C-alpha atoms as a PDB file:
ATOM      1  CA  GLY A   1      41.118 120.934 281.574  1.00  0.00           C
ATOM      2  CA  SER A   2      37.963 122.166 279.951  1.00  0.00           C
ATOM      3  CA  GLU A   3      35.693 119.531 281.792  1.00  0.00           C
ATOM      4  CA  MET A   4      37.122 120.698 285.244  1.00  0.00           C
ATOM      5  CA  CYS A   5      36.657 124.094 284.320  1.00  0.00           C
ATOM      6  CA  ILE A   6      33.134 123.319 283.801  1.00  0.00           C
ATOM      7  CA  ARG A   7      32.580 121.201 287.021  1.00  0.00           C
ATOM      8  CA  ASP A   8      33.926 124.467 288.583  1.00  0.00           C
ATOM      9  CA  ARG A   9      31.590 126.573 287.293  1.00  0.00           C
ATOM     10  CA  ARG A  10      28.439 124.048 287.833  1.00  0.00           C
ATOM     11  CA  GLY A  11      29.283 124.266 291.523  1.00  0.00           C
ATOM     12  CA  ALA A  12      28.561 127.761 291.363  1.00  0.00           C
ATOM     13  CA  ILE A  13      25.677 128.129 289.979  1.00  0.00           C
ATOM     14  CA  THR A  14      22.685 129.158 291.877  1.00  0.00           C
ATOM     15  CA  PRO A  15      19.254 127.976 292.290  1.00  0.00           C
ATOM     16  CA  ASP A  16      17.907 131.793 291.292  1.00  0.00           C
ATOM     17  CA  GLU A  17      19.815 131.067 287.915  1.00  0.00           C
ATOM     18  CA  ILE A  18      18.354 127.860 287.680  1.00  0.00           C
ATOM     19  CA  ALA A  19      14.639 129.122 288.200  1.00  0.00           C
ATOM     20  CA  ALA A  20      15.053 132.328 285.858  1.00  0.00           C
ATOM     21  CA  TYR A  21      16.437 129.490 283.263  1.00  0.00           C
ATOM     22  CA  THR A  22      12.782 127.382 283.910  1.00  0.00           C
ATOM     23  CA  ASP A  23      11.047 130.675 283.843  1.00  0.00           C
ATOM     24  CA  LEU A  24      12.473 131.601 280.452  1.00  0.00           C
ATOM     25  CA  MET A  25      11.276 127.722 279.003  1.00  0.00           C
ATOM     26  CA  ALA A  26       7.869 128.324 280.405  1.00  0.00           C
ATOM     27  CA  GLU A  27       7.487 131.761 279.318  1.00  0.00           C
ATOM     28  CA  SER A  28       8.390 130.638 275.554  1.00  0.00           C
ATOM     29  CA  GLN A  29       6.566 127.497 275.725  1.00  0.00           C
ATOM     30  CA  GLY A  30       3.294 129.203 273.660  1.00  0.00           C
ATOM     31  CA  PHE A  31       5.814 130.444 271.063  1.00  0.00           C
ATOM     32  CA  VAL A  32       7.716 126.808 270.459  1.00  0.00           C
ATOM     33  CA  ALA A  33       4.157 125.148 270.367  1.00  0.00           C
ATOM     34  CA  ASP A  34       3.243 127.702 267.635  1.00  0.00           C
ATOM     35  CA  ASP A  35       5.874 127.422 265.812  1.00  0.00           C
ATOM     36  CA  ILE A  36       5.539 123.478 265.597  1.00  0.00           C
ATOM     37  CA  LEU A  37       2.464 123.831 264.665  1.00  0.00           C
ATOM     38  CA  ASP A  38       3.103 126.261 261.873  1.00  0.00           C
ATOM     39  CA  ALA A  39       5.813 124.370 260.622  1.00  0.00           C
ATOM     40  CA  TYR A  40       4.212 120.713 261.164  1.00  0.00           C
ATOM     41  CA  ASP A  41       0.647 120.145 260.451  1.00  0.00           C
ATOM     42  CA  VAL A  42      -0.652 117.820 262.858  1.00  0.00           C
ATOM     43  CA  ARG A  43      -4.176 117.286 261.373  1.00  0.00           C
ATOM     44  CA  GLN A  44      -2.755 114.618 258.722  1.00  0.00           C
ATOM     45  CA  HIS A  45      -2.750 112.332 261.780  1.00  0.00           C
ATOM     46  CA  ARG A  46      -4.985 110.552 264.449  1.00  0.00           C
ATOM     47  CA  TRP A  47      -3.330 110.352 267.356  1.00  0.00           C
ATOM     48  CA  LEU A  48      -0.200 112.538 269.213  1.00  0.00           C
ATOM     49  CA  MET A  49       1.592 111.033 272.043  1.00  0.00           C
ATOM     50  CA  ASP A  50       3.801 113.791 273.590  1.00  0.00           C
ATOM     51  CA  VAL A  51       6.877 112.169 275.396  1.00  0.00           C
ATOM     52  CA  GLY A  52       8.218 114.180 278.142  1.00  0.00           C
ATOM     53  CA  GLY A  53       5.446 116.636 277.914  1.00  0.00           C
ATOM     54  CA  GLY A  54       5.191 117.990 281.320  1.00  0.00           C
ATOM     55  CA  ASP A  55       2.327 120.053 282.246  1.00  0.00           C
ATOM     56  CA  GLY A  56       0.552 119.388 278.336  1.00  0.00           C
ATOM     57  CA  SER A  57       1.190 122.919 277.430  1.00  0.00           C
ATOM     58  CA  PHE A  58       1.971 121.282 273.813  1.00  0.00           C
ATOM     59  CA  LEU A  59      -0.583 118.542 273.730  1.00  0.00           C
ATOM     60  CA  ARG A  60      -3.130 121.358 274.387  1.00  0.00           C
ATOM     61  CA  SER A  61      -2.013 123.728 271.697  1.00  0.00           C
ATOM     62  CA  ALA A  62      -2.084 120.494 268.860  1.00  0.00           C
ATOM     63  CA  GLY A  63      -5.528 119.516 270.498  1.00  0.00           C
ATOM     64  CA  ARG A  64      -6.671 123.125 269.811  1.00  0.00           C
ATOM     65  CA  ARG A  65      -5.346 122.900 265.987  1.00  0.00           C
ATOM     66  CA  ALA A  66      -6.738 119.400 265.425  1.00  0.00           C
ATOM     67  CA  PRO A  67      -9.932 119.243 267.442  1.00  0.00           C
ATOM     68  CA  GLN A  68     -10.256 115.484 266.092  1.00  0.00           C
ATOM     69  CA  LEU A  69      -6.879 114.340 267.433  1.00  0.00           C
ATOM     70  CA  GLN A  70      -6.536 111.819 270.156  1.00  0.00           C
ATOM     71  CA  LEU A  71      -3.925 113.123 272.904  1.00  0.00           C
ATOM     72  CA  SER A  72      -1.792 111.046 275.141  1.00  0.00           C
ATOM     73  CA  LEU A  73       1.059 112.696 277.508  1.00  0.00           C
ATOM     74  CA  VAL A  74       4.085 110.740 278.838  1.00  0.00           C
ATOM     75  CA  ASP A  75       6.176 112.029 281.861  1.00  0.00           C
ATOM     76  CA  LEU A  76       7.086 111.071 285.275  1.00  0.00           C
ATOM     77  CA  PRO A  77       3.990 109.946 287.512  1.00  0.00           C
ATOM     78  CA  PRO A  78       4.202 113.385 289.212  1.00  0.00           C
ATOM     79  CA  VAL A  79       4.392 115.404 286.252  1.00  0.00           C
ATOM     80  CA  VAL A  80       1.405 114.043 284.709  1.00  0.00           C
ATOM     81  CA  GLU A  81      -0.805 114.269 287.843  1.00  0.00           C
ATOM     82  CA  ARG A  82      -0.327 117.812 287.571  1.00  0.00           C
ATOM     83  CA  ALA A  83      -1.368 117.883 284.042  1.00  0.00           C
ATOM     84  CA  ARG A  84      -4.689 116.303 284.387  1.00  0.00           C
ATOM     85  CA  HIS A  85      -6.681 119.424 286.047  1.00  0.00           C
ATOM     86  CA  ARG A  86      -5.121 121.636 283.253  1.00  0.00           C
ATOM     87  CA  PHE A  87      -6.385 119.029 280.495  1.00  0.00           C
ATOM     88  CA  ASP A  88      -9.998 119.570 282.351  1.00  0.00           C
ATOM     89  CA  ALA A  89      -9.868 122.792 282.603  1.00  0.00           C
ATOM     90  CA  ALA A  90      -9.062 122.922 278.788  1.00  0.00           C
ATOM     91  CA  GLY A  91     -12.144 120.714 278.285  1.00  0.00           C
ATOM     92  CA  MET A  92      -9.464 118.272 277.057  1.00  0.00           C
ATOM     93  CA  GLY A  93      -9.989 115.665 279.787  1.00  0.00           C
ATOM     94  CA  GLY A  94     -11.996 113.283 277.687  1.00  0.00           C
ATOM     95  CA  ARG A  95      -9.386 113.067 274.541  1.00  0.00           C
ATOM     96  CA  VAL A  96      -5.948 113.116 276.447  1.00  0.00           C
ATOM     97  CA  THR A  97      -4.791 109.592 278.176  1.00  0.00           C
ATOM     98  CA  LEU A  98      -2.333 110.542 280.754  1.00  0.00           C
ATOM     99  CA  HIS A  99       0.257 108.088 281.409  1.00  0.00           C
ATOM    100  CA  GLY A 100       2.702 108.139 284.114  1.00  0.00           C
ATOM    101  CA  HIS A 101       6.148 106.787 282.882  1.00  0.00           C
ATOM    102  CA  ASP A 102      10.310 106.437 283.359  1.00  0.00           C
ATOM    103  CA  PHE A 103      10.872 106.934 279.602  1.00  0.00           C
ATOM    104  CA  GLN A 104      14.338 105.751 280.441  1.00  0.00           C
ATOM    105  CA  ASN A 105      12.920 102.265 281.930  1.00  0.00           C
ATOM    106  CA  ASP A 106       9.781 101.507 280.574  1.00  0.00           C
ATOM    107  CA  ALA A 107       8.828 100.245 277.258  1.00  0.00           C
ATOM    108  CA  LEU A 108       6.235 103.489 275.679  1.00  0.00           C
ATOM    109  CA  PRO A 109       2.513 103.240 275.529  1.00  0.00           C
ATOM    110  CA  THR A 110       1.549 101.964 271.591  1.00  0.00           C
ATOM    111  CA  GLY A 111      -1.444 103.192 269.875  1.00  0.00           C
ATOM    112  CA  ALA A 112      -0.447 106.783 268.394  1.00  0.00           C
ATOM    113  CA  ASP A 113       0.515 107.369 264.732  1.00  0.00           C
ATOM    114  CA  LEU A 114       2.087 110.530 265.766  1.00  0.00           C
ATOM    115  CA  VAL A 115       5.224 111.159 268.498  1.00  0.00           C
ATOM    116  CA  SER A 116       6.349 114.331 269.499  1.00  0.00           C
ATOM    117  CA  LEU A 117       9.457 114.806 271.559  1.00  0.00           C
ATOM    118  CA  VAL A 118       9.834 118.729 272.513  1.00  0.00           C
ATOM    119  CA  ARG A 119      12.669 120.218 274.130  1.00  0.00           C
ATOM    120  CA  VAL A 120      13.270 116.831 275.758  1.00  0.00           C
ATOM    121  CA  ALA A 121      16.850 115.143 274.053  1.00  0.00           C
ATOM    122  CA  HIS A 122      18.820 118.231 275.032  1.00  0.00           C
ATOM    123  CA  ASP A 123      18.855 117.421 278.741  1.00  0.00           C
ATOM    124  CA  HIS A 124      19.890 114.379 278.004  1.00  0.00           C
ATOM    125  CA  ASP A 125      23.301 112.342 277.268  1.00  0.00           C
ATOM    126  CA  ASP A 126      23.594 110.186 274.051  1.00  0.00           C
ATOM    127  CA  PRO A 127      23.019 107.054 275.471  1.00  0.00           C
ATOM    128  CA  VAL A 128      19.726 107.869 276.609  1.00  0.00           C
ATOM    129  CA  VAL A 129      18.512 109.696 273.613  1.00  0.00           C
ATOM    130  CA  GLU A 130      19.911 106.727 271.812  1.00  0.00           C
ATOM    131  CA  ARG A 131      17.358 104.594 274.183  1.00  0.00           C
ATOM    132  CA  LEU A 132      14.484 106.723 273.939  1.00  0.00           C
ATOM    133  CA  LEU A 133      14.603 107.257 269.749  1.00  0.00           C
ATOM    134  CA  ALA A 134      14.577 103.344 269.858  1.00  0.00           C
ATOM    135  CA  ALA A 135      11.721 103.028 272.037  1.00  0.00           C
ATOM    136  CA  ILE A 136       9.979 106.026 270.446  1.00  0.00           C
ATOM    137  CA  HIS A 137      10.658 103.831 266.815  1.00  0.00           C
ATOM    138  CA  GLN A 138       9.132 100.785 268.788  1.00  0.00           C
ATOM    139  CA  ALA A 139       6.079 101.976 269.799  1.00  0.00           C
ATOM    140  CA  LEU A 140       5.037 103.828 266.328  1.00  0.00           C
ATOM    141  CA  PRO A 141       3.047 101.939 263.680  1.00  0.00           C
ATOM    142  CA  PRO A 142       4.492 101.142 260.446  1.00  0.00           C
ATOM    143  CA  GLY A 143       4.520 104.704 258.608  1.00  0.00           C
ATOM    144  CA  GLY A 144       4.460 106.659 261.843  1.00  0.00           C
ATOM    145  CA  THR A 145       5.962 109.879 262.648  1.00  0.00           C
ATOM    146  CA  LEU A 146       8.081 111.466 264.909  1.00  0.00           C
ATOM    147  CA  ILE A 147       8.607 115.662 265.344  1.00  0.00           C
ATOM    148  CA  LEU A 148      11.755 116.145 267.465  1.00  0.00           C
ATOM    149  CA  ALA A 149      11.927 119.906 268.344  1.00  0.00           C
ATOM    150  CA  GLU A 150      14.441 121.311 270.354  1.00  0.00           C
ATOM    151  CA  PRO A 151      17.369 124.238 270.352  1.00  0.00           C
ATOM    152  CA  MET A 152      19.879 122.759 267.897  1.00  0.00           C
ATOM    153  CA  ALA A 153      23.705 123.298 267.696  1.00  0.00           C
ATOM    154  CA  GLY A 154      24.931 125.149 264.255  1.00  0.00           C
ATOM    155  CA  ILE A 155      21.802 126.514 263.290  1.00  0.00           C
ATOM    156  CA  ALA A 156      23.105 129.508 260.910  1.00  0.00           C
ATOM    157  CA  GLY A 157      22.977 132.658 262.907  1.00  0.00           C
ATOM    158  CA  ALA A 158      22.160 131.595 266.162  1.00  0.00           C
ATOM    159  CA  GLU A 159      25.147 129.778 267.373  1.00  0.00           C
ATOM    160  CA  ALA A 160      26.306 132.452 269.990  1.00  0.00           C
ATOM    161  CA  MET A 161      22.755 133.197 271.302  1.00  0.00           C
ATOM    162  CA  ALA A 162      22.174 129.308 271.619  1.00  0.00           C
ATOM    163  CA  ASP A 163      25.498 129.242 273.651  1.00  0.00           C
ATOM    164  CA  ALA A 164      24.403 131.727 275.885  1.00  0.00           C
ATOM    165  CA  TYR A 165      21.146 130.713 276.231  1.00  0.00           C
ATOM    166  CA  PHE A 166      21.154 126.968 277.118  1.00  0.00           C
ATOM    167  CA  GLY A 167      25.083 126.355 278.301  1.00  0.00           C
ATOM    168  CA  LEU A 168      24.594 127.551 281.841  1.00  0.00           C
ATOM    169  CA  TYR A 169      21.507 125.275 282.495  1.00  0.00           C
ATOM    170  CA  LEU A 170      23.323 122.195 280.544  1.00  0.00           C
ATOM    171  CA  TRP A 171      26.130 122.839 282.879  1.00  0.00           C
ATOM    172  CA  ALA A 172      24.211 123.242 285.951  1.00  0.00           C
ATOM    173  CA  MET A 173      22.153 119.867 284.870  1.00  0.00           C
ATOM    174  CA  GLY A 174      25.781 117.991 284.380  1.00  0.00           C
ATOM    175  CA  THR A 175      24.279 116.317 281.610  1.00  0.00           C
ATOM    176  CA  GLY A 176      22.297 116.953 278.218  1.00  0.00           C
ATOM    177  CA  ARG A 177      23.817 119.406 275.082  1.00  0.00           C
ATOM    178  CA  ALA A 178      22.840 121.005 271.888  1.00  0.00           C
ATOM    179  CA  ARG A 179      23.369 118.499 269.002  1.00  0.00           C
ATOM    180  CA  SER A 180      23.407 119.731 265.596  1.00  0.00           C
ATOM    181  CA  PRO A 181      20.350 118.718 262.890  1.00  0.00           C
ATOM    182  CA  GLU A 182      22.895 116.602 261.229  1.00  0.00           C
ATOM    183  CA  ILE A 183      23.982 114.445 264.599  1.00  0.00           C
ATOM    184  CA  LEU A 184      20.351 114.494 265.356  1.00  0.00           C
ATOM    185  CA  ILE A 185      19.634 112.876 262.116  1.00  0.00           C
ATOM    186  CA  SER A 186      22.222 110.291 262.322  1.00  0.00           C
ATOM    187  CA  MET A 187      21.117 109.548 265.602  1.00  0.00           C
ATOM    188  CA  LEU A 188      17.154 108.863 264.536  1.00  0.00           C
ATOM    189  CA  LYS A 189      18.650 106.952 261.576  1.00  0.00           C
ATOM    190  CA  GLN A 190      20.762 104.462 263.936  1.00  0.00           C
ATOM    191  CA  ALA A 191      17.466 104.239 265.826  1.00  0.00           C
ATOM    192  CA  GLY A 192      15.820 102.388 262.825  1.00  0.00           C
ATOM    193  CA  PHE A 193      13.812 105.353 261.482  1.00  0.00           C
ATOM    194  CA  ALA A 194      13.872 105.318 257.459  1.00  0.00           C
ATOM    195  CA  SER A 195      14.283 109.221 256.698  1.00  0.00           C
ATOM    196  CA  ALA A 196      14.911 112.206 258.837  1.00  0.00           C
ATOM    197  CA  SER A 197      14.488 115.552 257.738  1.00  0.00           C
ATOM    198  CA  PRO A 198      14.811 119.374 258.892  1.00  0.00           C
ATOM    199  CA  ILE A 199      11.903 121.595 258.654  1.00  0.00           C
ATOM    200  CA  PRO A 200      12.218 125.292 258.535  1.00  0.00           C
ATOM    201  CA  THR A 201      10.618 127.131 261.822  1.00  0.00           C
ATOM    202  CA  HIS A 202       9.982 130.796 262.417  1.00  0.00           C
ATOM    203  CA  ARG A 203      12.496 130.936 265.119  1.00  0.00           C
ATOM    204  CA  PRO A 204      15.180 128.287 264.885  1.00  0.00           C
ATOM    205  CA  LEU A 205      16.876 130.019 268.024  1.00  0.00           C
ATOM    206  CA  LEU A 206      14.067 128.564 270.098  1.00  0.00           C
ATOM    207  CA  THR A 207      12.994 125.710 268.213  1.00  0.00           C
ATOM    208  CA  ALA A 208      14.459 123.742 265.134  1.00  0.00           C
ATOM    209  CA  LEU A 209      12.523 121.015 263.907  1.00  0.00           C
ATOM    210  CA  ILE A 210      13.337 117.275 262.613  1.00  0.00           C
ATOM    211  CA  VAL A 211      10.348 114.915 261.216  1.00  0.00           C
ATOM    212  CA  ALA A 212      11.184 111.364 260.741  1.00  0.00           C
ATOM    213  CA  LYS A 213       9.151 108.542 259.374  1.00  0.00           C
ATOM    214  CA  LYS A 214       9.198 104.863 260.396  1.00  0.00           C
ATOM    215  CA  ALA A 215       9.013 102.919 257.391  1.00  0.00           C
ATOM    216  CA  ALA A 216       5.537 101.647 256.081  1.00  0.00           C
END
């Protein structure tokens, strides 16, 4: 069946192809951060926690937009350690708290009134994403906000391109999937969020955005 076909294809994907995808993701990070921050004004918040935030590039972009914003980065311990010098070099070392953390197993730190999940959910299967969204909901204070940003399935005009762009990577990883905004909104509400709405972005192929609110 199709599952066997995908498994056979996965075995044939080369490290160079994975590296090319990774480079593409890195090169598009600046565009993605700008599109999210143009669509959603982080200056209305006091503390942003980026979950699965890698080297902290999105957090630094947000910190430049909102100089008063306190910053937290959550990712696996070796990833977070590599990010430390980049925050220091950007003059943000005093504003950022780094949390080495396995979000699949550990409770998330509390205190932030805004959480971002940027191009993380599509790397994981539904049970992992469901646990993560519930953990974010639990970590947020009443009235807190989650911004979920990633390529989403079924965005008008982008379907074929999105399939080509992410299909190879997701097959190679053997996990994750591109989800429609409707599916993500349903998952957010299942996780406890009182509301969840799509917000338009400049380049929906690279990044679509959903803003979810915890009940006040």
